[in-house]
Every structure is written in C-alpha cells, then in structure tokens.
N, C-alpha and C. Protein backbone atom coordinates (compact mmCIF):
# COMPACT_ATOMS: atom_id res chain seq x y z
N MET A 1 9.47 -3.49 -15.13
CA MET A 1 7.99 -3.07 -15.45
C MET A 1 8.13 -1.90 -15.82
N ALA A 2 7.38 -1.39 -16.86
CA ALA A 2 7.28 -0.20 -17.52
C ALA A 2 6.33 0.79 -16.75
N GLY A 3 6.62 1.92 -16.86
CA GLY A 3 5.75 2.96 -16.20
C GLY A 3 6.75 3.60 -15.14
N ALA A 4 7.84 3.48 -14.89
CA ALA A 4 8.72 4.21 -13.92
C ALA A 4 10.05 4.86 -14.77
N ARG A 5 10.22 5.91 -14.10
CA ARG A 5 11.52 6.48 -14.31
C ARG A 5 12.78 6.34 -13.38
N PRO A 6 13.98 6.17 -13.42
CA PRO A 6 14.79 6.01 -12.35
C PRO A 6 15.09 7.51 -11.82
N GLY A 7 14.70 7.22 -10.35
CA GLY A 7 14.89 8.54 -9.60
C GLY A 7 13.19 9.04 -9.41
N ASP A 8 12.46 8.69 -10.07
CA ASP A 8 11.04 9.27 -10.00
C ASP A 8 10.84 9.23 -8.50
N ASP A 9 10.12 10.67 -8.11
CA ASP A 9 9.46 10.44 -6.63
C ASP A 9 8.10 10.14 -6.52
N HIS A 10 7.55 9.09 -7.56
CA HIS A 10 6.35 8.45 -6.98
C HIS A 10 6.55 7.06 -6.88
N THR A 11 7.91 6.59 -7.14
CA THR A 11 8.40 5.16 -7.17
C THR A 11 8.88 4.97 -5.95
N ALA A 12 8.94 4.12 -4.78
CA ALA A 12 9.55 4.01 -3.73
C ALA A 12 10.68 2.85 -3.94
N PRO A 13 11.79 3.07 -3.67
CA PRO A 13 12.93 1.79 -3.90
C PRO A 13 12.38 1.09 -3.12
N THR A 14 12.36 -0.37 -3.71
CA THR A 14 12.10 -1.52 -2.89
C THR A 14 13.11 -2.63 -3.23
N VAL A 15 13.76 -3.47 -1.96
CA VAL A 15 14.68 -4.47 -2.39
C VAL A 15 14.11 -6.03 -1.90
N HIS A 16 14.17 -6.43 -3.21
CA HIS A 16 13.11 -7.82 -3.19
C HIS A 16 14.25 -8.93 -2.80
N SER A 17 13.84 -9.69 -1.80
CA SER A 17 14.77 -11.03 -1.31
C SER A 17 14.76 -11.87 -2.22
N ALA A 18 15.75 -12.56 -2.30
CA ALA A 18 16.09 -13.52 -3.57
C ALA A 18 14.99 -14.29 -3.45
N GLY A 19 14.55 -14.91 -4.69
CA GLY A 19 13.56 -16.06 -4.82
C GLY A 19 12.15 -15.70 -4.80
N LEU A 20 11.85 -14.44 -3.95
CA LEU A 20 10.51 -13.96 -3.76
C LEU A 20 10.02 -12.98 -4.97
N THR A 21 8.59 -13.35 -5.46
CA THR A 21 8.27 -12.47 -6.46
C THR A 21 7.07 -11.35 -5.73
N PRO A 22 7.60 -10.27 -6.40
CA PRO A 22 6.76 -8.95 -5.85
C PRO A 22 5.02 -9.33 -6.06
N ARG A 23 4.21 -9.02 -5.59
CA ARG A 23 2.82 -8.99 -5.81
C ARG A 23 2.30 -7.47 -6.31
N SER A 24 1.78 -7.73 -7.54
CA SER A 24 1.19 -6.45 -8.12
C SER A 24 -0.21 -6.82 -8.52
N ALA A 25 -1.07 -5.51 -8.54
CA ALA A 25 -2.52 -5.56 -8.74
C ALA A 25 -2.57 -4.41 -9.83
N THR A 26 -3.73 -4.55 -10.55
CA THR A 26 -4.11 -3.34 -11.25
C THR A 26 -5.27 -2.47 -10.65
N VAL A 27 -4.81 -1.25 -10.08
CA VAL A 27 -5.69 -0.23 -9.59
C VAL A 27 -6.84 0.23 -10.59
N LEU A 28 -6.23 0.74 -11.70
CA LEU A 28 -7.16 1.17 -12.83
C LEU A 28 -6.86 0.44 -14.42
N ASP A 29 -7.86 0.00 -14.75
CA ASP A 29 -7.80 -0.53 -16.25
C ASP A 29 -8.04 0.71 -17.25
N SER A 30 -7.83 0.25 -18.43
CA SER A 30 -8.16 1.31 -19.44
C SER A 30 -9.19 2.11 -19.75
N ALA A 31 -10.56 1.58 -19.33
CA ALA A 31 -11.65 2.10 -19.10
C ALA A 31 -11.62 3.28 -18.12
N GLU A 32 -11.28 2.77 -17.04
CA GLU A 32 -11.00 3.49 -15.79
C GLU A 32 -10.27 4.96 -15.90
N VAL A 33 -9.09 4.49 -16.51
CA VAL A 33 -8.21 5.89 -16.82
C VAL A 33 -8.80 6.75 -17.69
N SER A 34 -9.66 6.20 -18.78
CA SER A 34 -10.37 7.09 -19.64
C SER A 34 -11.37 7.78 -18.86
N ARG A 35 -12.15 7.17 -17.89
CA ARG A 35 -13.26 7.94 -17.29
C ARG A 35 -12.68 9.16 -16.37
N ALA A 36 -11.49 8.85 -15.59
CA ALA A 36 -10.77 9.55 -14.49
C ALA A 36 -10.29 10.90 -15.60
N LEU A 37 -9.64 10.81 -16.93
CA LEU A 37 -9.22 11.82 -17.31
C LEU A 37 -10.38 12.70 -18.16
N THR A 38 -11.48 12.11 -18.47
CA THR A 38 -12.84 12.87 -18.86
C THR A 38 -13.24 13.61 -17.47
N ARG A 39 -13.38 13.15 -16.45
CA ARG A 39 -13.61 13.81 -15.07
C ARG A 39 -12.62 15.07 -15.06
N ILE A 40 -11.31 14.89 -14.79
CA ILE A 40 -10.52 15.71 -14.48
C ILE A 40 -10.65 16.86 -15.45
N ALA A 41 -10.80 16.77 -17.10
CA ALA A 41 -11.22 17.40 -17.94
C ALA A 41 -12.38 18.40 -17.86
N HIS A 42 -13.23 17.88 -17.19
CA HIS A 42 -14.80 18.89 -16.92
C HIS A 42 -14.19 19.70 -15.69
N GLU A 43 -13.53 19.07 -14.44
CA GLU A 43 -13.30 19.93 -13.46
C GLU A 43 -12.44 20.85 -13.66
N VAL A 44 -11.46 20.77 -14.51
CA VAL A 44 -10.76 21.91 -15.07
C VAL A 44 -11.21 22.82 -15.81
N LEU A 45 -12.37 22.59 -16.82
CA LEU A 45 -13.33 23.59 -17.32
C LEU A 45 -14.01 24.34 -16.06
N GLU A 46 -14.65 23.79 -15.55
CA GLU A 46 -15.84 24.03 -14.31
C GLU A 46 -14.77 25.46 -13.39
N ARG A 47 -13.43 24.61 -12.84
CA ARG A 47 -12.81 25.56 -12.17
C ARG A 47 -12.48 26.77 -12.80
N ASN A 48 -11.94 26.57 -14.14
CA ASN A 48 -11.42 27.60 -14.74
C ASN A 48 -12.65 28.49 -15.19
N LYS A 49 -13.89 28.20 -15.07
CA LYS A 49 -15.17 28.70 -16.00
C LYS A 49 -15.19 28.86 -17.30
N GLY A 50 -14.74 27.59 -17.74
CA GLY A 50 -14.48 27.81 -19.50
C GLY A 50 -12.99 27.86 -19.62
N PRO A 51 -12.71 27.70 -21.08
CA PRO A 51 -11.73 27.44 -21.58
C PRO A 51 -10.43 28.70 -21.93
N ARG A 52 -11.01 29.88 -21.32
CA ARG A 52 -10.40 30.93 -21.81
C ARG A 52 -8.86 31.26 -20.91
N GLY A 53 -7.85 31.29 -21.75
CA GLY A 53 -6.57 31.55 -20.97
C GLY A 53 -6.04 30.39 -20.30
N LEU A 54 -6.55 29.19 -20.75
CA LEU A 54 -6.01 27.81 -20.19
C LEU A 54 -5.01 27.32 -20.99
N VAL A 55 -4.11 26.62 -20.24
CA VAL A 55 -2.96 26.30 -20.75
C VAL A 55 -2.47 25.17 -20.07
N LEU A 56 -2.15 23.61 -20.76
CA LEU A 56 -1.86 22.67 -20.05
C LEU A 56 -0.51 22.43 -20.34
N MET A 57 0.39 22.10 -19.15
CA MET A 57 1.87 21.69 -19.39
C MET A 57 2.23 20.27 -19.00
N GLY A 58 2.50 19.43 -19.68
CA GLY A 58 2.84 18.20 -19.06
C GLY A 58 4.30 18.00 -18.90
N VAL A 59 4.50 17.18 -17.63
CA VAL A 59 5.98 16.59 -16.99
C VAL A 59 6.26 15.84 -17.87
N PRO A 60 7.27 15.35 -18.69
CA PRO A 60 7.71 14.22 -19.47
C PRO A 60 8.17 13.01 -18.53
N ARG A 61 7.72 12.07 -18.76
CA ARG A 61 7.42 11.65 -20.32
C ARG A 61 5.60 11.49 -20.35
N ARG A 62 5.08 10.85 -19.12
CA ARG A 62 3.70 10.42 -19.27
C ARG A 62 2.73 11.61 -19.10
N GLY A 63 3.25 12.60 -18.29
CA GLY A 63 2.66 13.77 -18.00
C GLY A 63 2.38 14.70 -19.46
N THR A 64 3.14 14.54 -20.38
CA THR A 64 2.90 15.12 -21.45
C THR A 64 1.93 14.31 -22.44
N HIS A 65 1.98 13.24 -22.11
CA HIS A 65 0.78 12.47 -22.84
C HIS A 65 -0.20 12.64 -22.56
N LEU A 66 -0.39 13.12 -20.95
CA LEU A 66 -1.99 13.06 -20.11
C LEU A 66 -2.38 14.38 -20.60
N ALA A 67 -1.37 15.28 -20.97
CA ALA A 67 -1.77 16.71 -21.07
C ALA A 67 -2.34 16.82 -22.22
N ARG A 68 -1.93 16.16 -23.08
CA ARG A 68 -2.40 16.19 -24.59
C ARG A 68 -3.94 15.38 -24.83
N ARG A 69 -3.94 14.34 -23.70
CA ARG A 69 -5.40 13.70 -23.89
C ARG A 69 -6.57 14.68 -23.13
N LEU A 70 -6.04 15.40 -21.87
CA LEU A 70 -7.03 16.29 -21.38
C LEU A 70 -7.01 17.42 -22.61
N ALA A 71 -6.15 18.03 -23.10
CA ALA A 71 -6.35 18.86 -24.02
C ALA A 71 -7.69 18.52 -24.92
N GLU A 72 -7.56 17.49 -25.69
CA GLU A 72 -8.35 16.75 -26.77
C GLU A 72 -9.59 16.76 -26.12
N ARG A 73 -9.73 16.35 -24.56
CA ARG A 73 -11.47 16.26 -24.09
C ARG A 73 -11.60 17.47 -23.85
N ILE A 74 -11.03 18.59 -23.37
CA ILE A 74 -11.62 19.77 -23.12
C ILE A 74 -12.21 20.47 -24.47
N ALA A 75 -11.47 19.95 -25.86
CA ALA A 75 -11.71 20.50 -27.03
C ALA A 75 -13.22 20.09 -27.41
N GLN A 76 -13.14 18.83 -27.09
CA GLN A 76 -14.82 18.00 -27.47
C GLN A 76 -15.79 18.94 -26.66
N VAL A 77 -15.40 19.20 -25.73
CA VAL A 77 -16.77 19.87 -24.66
C VAL A 77 -16.76 21.50 -25.29
N GLU A 78 -15.43 21.96 -25.44
CA GLU A 78 -15.33 23.64 -26.05
C GLU A 78 -14.41 23.67 -27.18
N PRO A 79 -15.55 23.22 -28.48
CA PRO A 79 -14.55 23.37 -29.76
C PRO A 79 -13.88 24.58 -30.10
N ALA A 80 -14.10 25.63 -29.22
CA ALA A 80 -13.23 26.83 -29.74
C ALA A 80 -11.76 26.72 -29.07
N PHE A 81 -11.82 25.84 -28.18
CA PHE A 81 -10.36 25.48 -27.47
C PHE A 81 -9.81 24.96 -28.47
N ASP A 82 -8.10 25.51 -28.85
CA ASP A 82 -7.19 24.82 -29.63
C ASP A 82 -6.39 23.94 -28.65
N ALA A 83 -6.76 22.77 -28.82
CA ALA A 83 -5.80 21.66 -28.07
C ALA A 83 -4.17 21.62 -28.34
N GLU A 84 -3.78 21.78 -29.58
CA GLU A 84 -2.45 21.62 -29.77
C GLU A 84 -1.95 23.07 -29.54
N ALA A 85 -2.35 24.19 -29.71
CA ALA A 85 -2.13 25.46 -29.76
C ALA A 85 -1.69 25.71 -27.74
N CYS A 86 -2.62 25.16 -27.36
CA CYS A 86 -2.43 25.35 -25.80
C CYS A 86 -2.23 24.09 -24.60
N THR A 87 -1.40 23.38 -25.41
CA THR A 87 -0.74 22.37 -24.76
C THR A 87 0.90 22.43 -24.84
N GLY A 88 1.60 22.26 -24.11
CA GLY A 88 3.09 22.13 -23.89
C GLY A 88 4.05 21.14 -23.11
N SER A 89 5.11 20.90 -22.92
CA SER A 89 5.44 20.17 -22.26
C SER A 89 6.82 20.84 -21.11
N LEU A 90 6.98 20.57 -20.30
CA LEU A 90 7.99 21.21 -19.08
C LEU A 90 8.92 20.23 -18.67
N ASP A 91 10.00 20.44 -18.97
CA ASP A 91 11.17 19.40 -18.30
C ASP A 91 11.72 20.12 -17.07
N VAL A 92 11.77 19.13 -16.24
CA VAL A 92 12.02 19.64 -14.84
C VAL A 92 13.50 19.23 -14.31
N THR A 93 14.41 18.56 -15.15
CA THR A 93 15.40 17.87 -14.91
C THR A 93 16.66 18.73 -13.94
N MET A 94 16.90 20.12 -14.51
CA MET A 94 17.67 20.97 -13.95
C MET A 94 17.39 21.48 -12.73
N HIS A 95 16.24 21.23 -12.34
CA HIS A 95 15.43 21.89 -11.32
C HIS A 95 15.30 21.14 -10.17
N ARG A 96 15.56 19.79 -10.32
CA ARG A 96 15.27 18.81 -9.06
C ARG A 96 16.36 19.02 -8.32
N ASP A 97 15.93 18.85 -6.93
CA ASP A 97 16.83 18.64 -5.85
C ASP A 97 17.70 17.48 -5.37
N ASP A 98 17.47 16.41 -6.42
CA ASP A 98 18.08 15.11 -6.13
C ASP A 98 19.20 14.83 -7.29
N LEU A 99 19.22 16.08 -8.07
CA LEU A 99 20.31 15.97 -9.19
C LEU A 99 21.72 15.46 -9.26
N ARG A 100 22.33 16.07 -8.06
CA ARG A 100 23.55 15.49 -7.32
C ARG A 100 23.53 14.12 -7.01
N ARG A 101 22.57 13.26 -6.91
CA ARG A 101 22.52 12.08 -6.41
C ARG A 101 22.25 11.28 -7.67
N ASN A 102 21.66 11.94 -8.51
CA ASN A 102 21.16 10.95 -10.00
C ASN A 102 21.37 11.79 -11.21
N PRO A 103 22.76 11.90 -11.17
CA PRO A 103 23.46 12.91 -12.20
C PRO A 103 22.94 12.40 -13.65
N THR A 104 22.74 11.37 -13.87
CA THR A 104 22.68 10.73 -14.99
C THR A 104 21.47 10.70 -15.74
N ARG A 105 20.24 11.74 -15.29
CA ARG A 105 19.14 11.90 -15.74
C ARG A 105 19.27 12.56 -17.43
N THR A 106 18.57 12.36 -18.19
CA THR A 106 18.64 12.99 -19.46
C THR A 106 17.31 13.81 -19.61
N PRO A 107 17.81 15.21 -19.82
CA PRO A 107 16.78 16.00 -19.93
C PRO A 107 15.71 15.83 -21.20
N GLU A 108 14.50 16.14 -21.15
CA GLU A 108 13.41 15.98 -22.06
C GLU A 108 13.32 17.41 -22.74
N PRO A 109 12.92 17.82 -23.99
CA PRO A 109 12.78 18.85 -24.59
C PRO A 109 11.62 19.86 -23.46
N THR A 110 11.74 20.61 -23.66
CA THR A 110 10.61 21.76 -22.97
C THR A 110 10.11 22.54 -24.20
N ARG A 111 8.56 22.34 -24.50
CA ARG A 111 7.83 23.15 -25.58
C ARG A 111 6.87 23.70 -24.84
N LEU A 112 7.07 25.40 -25.29
CA LEU A 112 5.92 26.22 -24.70
C LEU A 112 4.87 26.04 -25.74
N PRO A 113 3.68 26.01 -25.11
CA PRO A 113 2.59 26.30 -26.21
C PRO A 113 2.50 27.66 -26.97
N ALA A 114 1.93 27.32 -27.88
CA ALA A 114 1.75 28.64 -29.16
C ALA A 114 1.23 29.57 -28.25
N THR A 115 0.36 29.76 -27.45
CA THR A 115 -0.44 30.69 -26.82
C THR A 115 0.57 31.35 -25.60
N GLY A 116 1.66 30.91 -25.19
CA GLY A 116 2.49 31.24 -24.07
C GLY A 116 2.00 30.91 -22.79
N ILE A 117 2.58 31.34 -21.93
CA ILE A 117 1.80 31.20 -20.54
C ILE A 117 2.02 32.50 -19.59
N ASP A 118 2.48 33.63 -20.37
CA ASP A 118 1.98 35.00 -19.34
C ASP A 118 0.47 34.95 -19.41
N ASP A 119 0.12 35.26 -17.98
CA ASP A 119 -1.06 35.73 -17.60
C ASP A 119 -2.13 34.67 -17.77
N ALA A 120 -1.30 33.48 -18.09
CA ALA A 120 -2.56 32.35 -18.09
C ALA A 120 -2.76 31.54 -17.10
N THR A 121 -3.71 30.74 -17.05
CA THR A 121 -3.92 29.69 -16.02
C THR A 121 -3.15 28.51 -16.51
N VAL A 122 -2.08 28.06 -16.10
CA VAL A 122 -1.22 27.05 -16.28
C VAL A 122 -1.87 25.73 -15.41
N VAL A 123 -1.99 24.50 -16.31
CA VAL A 123 -2.26 23.33 -15.59
C VAL A 123 -1.49 22.54 -15.54
N LEU A 124 -0.33 22.10 -14.65
CA LEU A 124 0.67 21.21 -14.59
C LEU A 124 -0.08 19.84 -14.96
N VAL A 125 0.43 18.97 -15.61
CA VAL A 125 -0.23 17.76 -15.56
C VAL A 125 0.94 16.83 -15.28
N ASP A 126 0.71 15.66 -14.47
CA ASP A 126 1.68 14.53 -14.19
C ASP A 126 1.03 13.10 -13.80
N ASP A 127 1.73 11.98 -14.40
CA ASP A 127 0.92 10.72 -13.76
C ASP A 127 0.72 10.65 -12.31
N VAL A 128 1.66 10.63 -11.48
CA VAL A 128 1.74 10.38 -10.20
C VAL A 128 2.14 11.40 -9.26
N LEU A 129 1.64 11.78 -8.10
CA LEU A 129 2.01 12.76 -7.18
C LEU A 129 2.49 12.10 -5.86
N TYR A 130 3.72 12.29 -5.33
CA TYR A 130 4.04 11.21 -4.24
C TYR A 130 4.71 12.27 -3.14
N SER A 131 6.01 12.42 -3.33
CA SER A 131 6.59 13.59 -2.25
C SER A 131 6.34 14.72 -2.59
N GLY A 132 6.14 15.36 -3.88
CA GLY A 132 5.81 16.56 -4.27
C GLY A 132 7.17 17.24 -5.01
N ARG A 133 8.37 16.86 -4.95
CA ARG A 133 9.59 17.08 -5.38
C ARG A 133 9.61 17.49 -6.86
N THR A 134 8.87 16.47 -7.47
CA THR A 134 8.79 16.95 -8.66
C THR A 134 7.99 18.14 -9.29
N VAL A 135 6.83 18.30 -8.57
CA VAL A 135 5.94 19.22 -8.73
C VAL A 135 7.19 20.33 -8.23
N ARG A 136 7.39 20.86 -7.41
CA ARG A 136 8.36 21.92 -6.91
C ARG A 136 9.14 22.04 -7.72
N ALA A 137 9.68 21.40 -8.38
CA ALA A 137 10.77 21.17 -9.68
C ALA A 137 10.26 22.22 -10.69
N ALA A 138 8.92 21.62 -11.27
CA ALA A 138 8.07 22.16 -12.19
C ALA A 138 7.59 23.53 -12.09
N LEU A 139 7.62 24.04 -10.57
CA LEU A 139 6.90 25.16 -10.59
C LEU A 139 8.14 26.02 -11.02
N ASP A 140 9.56 25.77 -10.34
CA ASP A 140 10.98 26.63 -10.41
C ASP A 140 11.07 26.63 -12.01
N ALA A 141 10.68 25.45 -12.60
CA ALA A 141 11.28 25.64 -13.88
C ALA A 141 10.26 26.37 -15.01
N LEU A 142 8.99 26.41 -14.40
CA LEU A 142 7.88 27.18 -15.07
C LEU A 142 8.33 28.99 -14.64
N SER A 143 8.74 29.25 -13.76
CA SER A 143 9.14 30.77 -13.27
C SER A 143 10.14 31.24 -14.48
N ASP A 144 11.08 30.23 -14.90
CA ASP A 144 11.97 30.77 -15.53
C ASP A 144 11.56 31.05 -16.88
N LEU A 145 10.34 30.84 -17.11
CA LEU A 145 9.65 30.64 -18.76
C LEU A 145 8.56 31.61 -18.76
N GLY A 146 8.13 32.34 -17.80
CA GLY A 146 7.10 33.35 -17.57
C GLY A 146 6.37 33.44 -16.52
N ARG A 147 5.39 34.40 -16.63
CA ARG A 147 4.42 34.65 -14.97
C ARG A 147 3.08 34.42 -15.60
N PRO A 148 2.62 33.05 -15.12
CA PRO A 148 1.03 32.58 -15.22
C PRO A 148 0.11 33.55 -14.33
N ARG A 149 -1.08 33.65 -14.75
CA ARG A 149 -1.82 34.31 -13.56
C ARG A 149 -2.08 33.28 -12.78
N ALA A 150 -2.50 31.97 -12.86
CA ALA A 150 -2.41 30.99 -11.75
C ALA A 150 -1.78 29.79 -12.19
N VAL A 151 -1.40 28.95 -11.33
CA VAL A 151 -1.09 27.44 -11.48
C VAL A 151 -1.83 26.43 -11.01
N ARG A 152 -2.35 25.42 -11.64
CA ARG A 152 -2.92 24.36 -11.02
C ARG A 152 -2.14 23.14 -11.13
N LEU A 153 -2.52 22.13 -10.70
CA LEU A 153 -1.74 20.73 -10.67
C LEU A 153 -2.85 19.73 -10.91
N ALA A 154 -2.81 19.06 -12.01
CA ALA A 154 -3.83 17.60 -12.26
C ALA A 154 -2.90 16.59 -12.07
N VAL A 155 -3.24 15.47 -11.57
CA VAL A 155 -2.37 13.93 -11.73
C VAL A 155 -3.74 12.79 -11.65
N LEU A 156 -3.02 11.92 -12.66
CA LEU A 156 -4.08 10.79 -12.57
C LEU A 156 -3.89 10.18 -11.44
N VAL A 157 -2.94 10.00 -10.48
CA VAL A 157 -2.81 9.42 -9.47
C VAL A 157 -2.23 10.07 -7.87
N ASP A 158 -3.01 10.17 -6.93
CA ASP A 158 -2.35 10.80 -5.86
C ASP A 158 -1.98 9.40 -4.93
N ARG A 159 -0.53 9.16 -4.49
CA ARG A 159 -0.31 8.20 -3.62
C ARG A 159 -0.08 8.52 -2.24
N GLY A 160 -0.05 10.06 -2.03
CA GLY A 160 0.27 9.93 -0.42
C GLY A 160 1.65 10.07 -0.28
N HIS A 161 2.19 10.48 1.04
CA HIS A 161 3.20 10.43 1.43
C HIS A 161 4.20 11.70 1.14
N ARG A 162 3.52 12.95 1.17
CA ARG A 162 4.31 14.16 0.88
C ARG A 162 5.20 14.78 1.70
N GLU A 163 6.41 15.24 1.16
CA GLU A 163 7.55 15.46 1.72
C GLU A 163 7.40 17.14 1.85
N LEU A 164 6.49 17.77 0.99
CA LEU A 164 6.48 19.21 0.90
C LEU A 164 5.23 19.66 0.61
N PRO A 165 4.86 20.78 1.24
CA PRO A 165 3.27 21.29 1.22
C PRO A 165 2.75 21.57 -0.15
N ILE A 166 2.32 20.35 -0.59
CA ILE A 166 1.87 20.69 -2.34
C ILE A 166 0.96 19.60 -2.11
N ARG A 167 -0.26 19.99 -2.94
CA ARG A 167 -1.73 19.39 -3.19
C ARG A 167 -2.15 19.69 -4.30
N ALA A 168 -2.76 18.49 -5.06
CA ALA A 168 -3.26 18.69 -6.18
C ALA A 168 -4.42 19.21 -6.50
N ASP A 169 -5.11 19.90 -7.37
CA ASP A 169 -6.41 20.40 -7.59
C ASP A 169 -7.30 19.55 -8.33
N HIS A 170 -6.52 18.55 -9.33
CA HIS A 170 -7.48 17.64 -10.03
C HIS A 170 -6.69 16.35 -9.68
N VAL A 171 -7.76 15.15 -9.21
CA VAL A 171 -6.65 14.09 -9.08
C VAL A 171 -7.81 12.87 -10.01
N GLY A 172 -7.34 12.18 -10.63
CA GLY A 172 -7.91 10.89 -10.99
C GLY A 172 -8.36 9.78 -10.05
N LYS A 173 -7.25 9.54 -9.43
CA LYS A 173 -7.35 8.32 -8.18
C LYS A 173 -6.51 8.74 -6.85
N ASN A 174 -7.52 8.82 -5.77
CA ASN A 174 -6.38 9.13 -4.37
C ASN A 174 -6.28 7.36 -4.16
N LEU A 175 -4.99 6.95 -3.95
CA LEU A 175 -4.59 5.91 -3.92
C LEU A 175 -3.60 5.60 -2.76
N PRO A 176 -4.19 5.27 -1.52
CA PRO A 176 -3.36 4.96 -0.20
C PRO A 176 -2.37 3.94 -0.34
N THR A 177 -1.02 4.38 -0.24
CA THR A 177 -0.02 3.19 -0.17
C THR A 177 0.90 3.41 1.21
N SER A 178 1.88 2.33 1.07
CA SER A 178 2.70 2.22 1.89
C SER A 178 3.77 2.57 1.26
N THR A 179 5.04 2.99 1.83
CA THR A 179 6.30 3.44 1.37
C THR A 179 6.73 2.40 0.71
N ALA A 180 6.65 0.88 1.15
CA ALA A 180 7.38 -0.07 0.64
C ALA A 180 6.40 -0.74 -0.81
N GLU A 181 5.28 0.16 -1.17
CA GLU A 181 4.76 -0.28 -2.56
C GLU A 181 5.33 0.76 -3.54
N ARG A 182 5.10 -0.05 -4.57
CA ARG A 182 5.49 1.00 -6.02
C ARG A 182 4.43 1.22 -6.79
N VAL A 183 4.19 2.39 -7.18
CA VAL A 183 2.76 2.56 -8.36
C VAL A 183 3.45 2.83 -9.85
N PHE A 184 2.88 1.95 -10.85
CA PHE A 184 3.20 2.22 -12.02
C PHE A 184 2.03 2.78 -13.01
N VAL A 185 2.38 3.68 -13.71
CA VAL A 185 1.34 4.24 -14.80
C VAL A 185 1.69 3.70 -16.02
N HIS A 186 0.87 3.01 -16.86
CA HIS A 186 1.10 2.57 -18.07
C HIS A 186 0.17 3.30 -19.01
N LEU A 187 0.77 3.73 -19.99
CA LEU A 187 0.15 4.48 -21.14
C LEU A 187 0.28 4.19 -22.47
N ALA A 188 -1.05 4.16 -23.02
CA ALA A 188 -0.65 3.42 -24.81
C ALA A 188 0.41 3.94 -25.39
N GLU A 189 0.77 5.31 -25.14
CA GLU A 189 1.64 5.89 -26.04
C GLU A 189 3.34 5.25 -25.47
N THR A 190 3.20 5.06 -24.70
CA THR A 190 4.65 4.81 -23.90
C THR A 190 4.87 3.12 -23.58
N ASP A 191 3.59 2.35 -23.30
CA ASP A 191 3.98 1.19 -22.77
C ASP A 191 2.81 0.21 -23.30
N GLY A 192 1.97 0.96 -24.28
CA GLY A 192 1.07 -0.18 -25.16
C GLY A 192 -0.20 -0.26 -24.63
N GLU A 193 -0.34 -0.09 -23.43
CA GLU A 193 -1.56 -0.25 -22.68
C GLU A 193 -1.86 1.13 -21.75
N ASP A 194 -3.48 1.06 -21.43
CA ASP A 194 -3.76 2.06 -20.49
C ASP A 194 -3.98 1.40 -19.12
N ALA A 195 -3.14 1.62 -18.08
CA ALA A 195 -3.34 1.01 -16.84
C ALA A 195 -2.56 1.71 -15.81
N VAL A 196 -3.15 1.64 -14.45
CA VAL A 196 -2.34 1.73 -13.14
C VAL A 196 -2.04 0.66 -11.96
N LEU A 197 -0.76 0.48 -11.96
CA LEU A 197 -0.43 -0.89 -11.51
C LEU A 197 0.15 -0.58 -9.99
N ILE A 198 0.03 -1.27 -9.01
CA ILE A 198 0.59 -1.19 -7.77
C ILE A 198 1.30 -2.56 -7.56
N GLU A 199 2.61 -2.34 -6.79
CA GLU A 199 3.43 -3.61 -6.81
C GLU A 199 3.84 -3.36 -5.20
N GLY A 200 3.34 -4.39 -4.72
CA GLY A 200 3.43 -4.44 -3.24
C GLY A 200 4.59 -5.21 -2.73
N PRO A 201 4.51 -5.49 -1.33
CA PRO A 201 5.81 -6.17 -0.70
C PRO A 201 6.03 -7.50 -1.18
N THR A 202 7.09 -7.89 -1.82
CA THR A 202 7.44 -9.14 -2.02
C THR A 202 6.46 -10.61 -1.10
N ALA A 203 5.97 -11.21 -2.08
CA ALA A 203 5.35 -12.63 -1.31
C ALA A 203 6.50 -13.31 -0.08
N GLY A 204 5.85 -13.47 0.99
CA GLY A 204 6.45 -14.26 2.17
C GLY A 204 7.08 -13.29 2.99
N GLU A 205 7.05 -11.78 2.66
CA GLU A 205 7.57 -10.81 3.97
C GLU A 205 6.76 -10.49 4.74
N ASP A 206 6.94 -10.28 5.73
CA ASP A 206 6.36 -10.04 6.86
C ASP A 206 6.51 -8.32 7.07
N ARG A 207 5.27 -7.84 6.63
CA ARG A 207 5.12 -6.49 7.00
C ARG A 207 4.45 -5.99 7.85
C-alpha cells in the first residue's frame, strides 16, 4: 500500500495471518486534507504573528510536499511571503536512532531555503507523528545546519503512541489508533491522490 516508507515510525509493523484481509478505512479524503492544510497554514501565521522570519522545512518524502503546499497557502494570505525562497527539505536519515537496524535507508537531499535558517522560525513539516523519533532526528539534523530562533512542528496526522517527549504545535487530524493499526498518507505528488487511510487488524482476528 502506498504511503509508507520502510522503517517509518508512523507505521506499526503488522503480521497478517494467511488468508485474512486487512481492514482499511479512509480517515481524510482529498477535500478534508485540503481543509486541514489551509487551517494549519492560518495557525502558523497566527502563531508567528505574520510571515516575517518564517521558514518551512519538510521531512522527505511527503513532508516536503506538505511543506510546499503550506507555503503556497501562506503566500495566498500574505502575498509578500516568498513560498519558494522560504521552503526547504530536511533529510534525517543519518540522525535516526534505528540506522543500525535499518542500514538500507537511502538518504534524500537536504535543501536549505534561500533565506537560510539562522534566527528564523523553522516549522518542521511531516505527514504523520507517531513515536517522535523522526522528529528527534530532524532536530539533530537541523542543529547541524544553523541556529533557528524557534522550531515548531506541523503534521497532517498525529496518531499518538509517543515514545519521546515531543508534541506537535499544528495538527491536521488527531487520530487515536492502536499499535496494531497502520496509518498511510497518500498525496497527489507521490500517490496520485490525497487521502489518509488507516489499516486495522485483519478480518477474523480477535483483538
């Protein structure tokens, strides 16, 4: 199923019994994803008291696309905000604490925004917040690149089950889940559609 990266901390590994079909449901459709991103963009502007010094850094892959969309929405509200110059991508591969267990990860390019990050308010953007380990890695990666004035976190989905003391500042959808469930974010740029899906325990399992 598209939407998950191997080893991601937002999808819990699930073993399906032979002959059983996992149950899935759509949590957010395309219109709801769009509304969630619009709301987050307004929240970011309100929290920052405008676009001054604002930078968005997406965590590849889907976080990068979400950061770009958020920047475009901010520019619609604040035309002086240069969405292209204030958006970048932040690869966290070499900072992950599970690198020894998953050594086959392929690093994605890190692209700093033209405005830089020093003394900026950096909004880290990712698709799903789960254990918090990807965000921890992102904070370490960010510290190698500069010294922001503040760092905030925006995610499309918060599915709970944190393993580290990390909290998102801006959330599109709070989604209570069990550890047996998996959450998939589909984006038009990578999957041909916008949707958030949840896959539950396989049919026939007693949980």
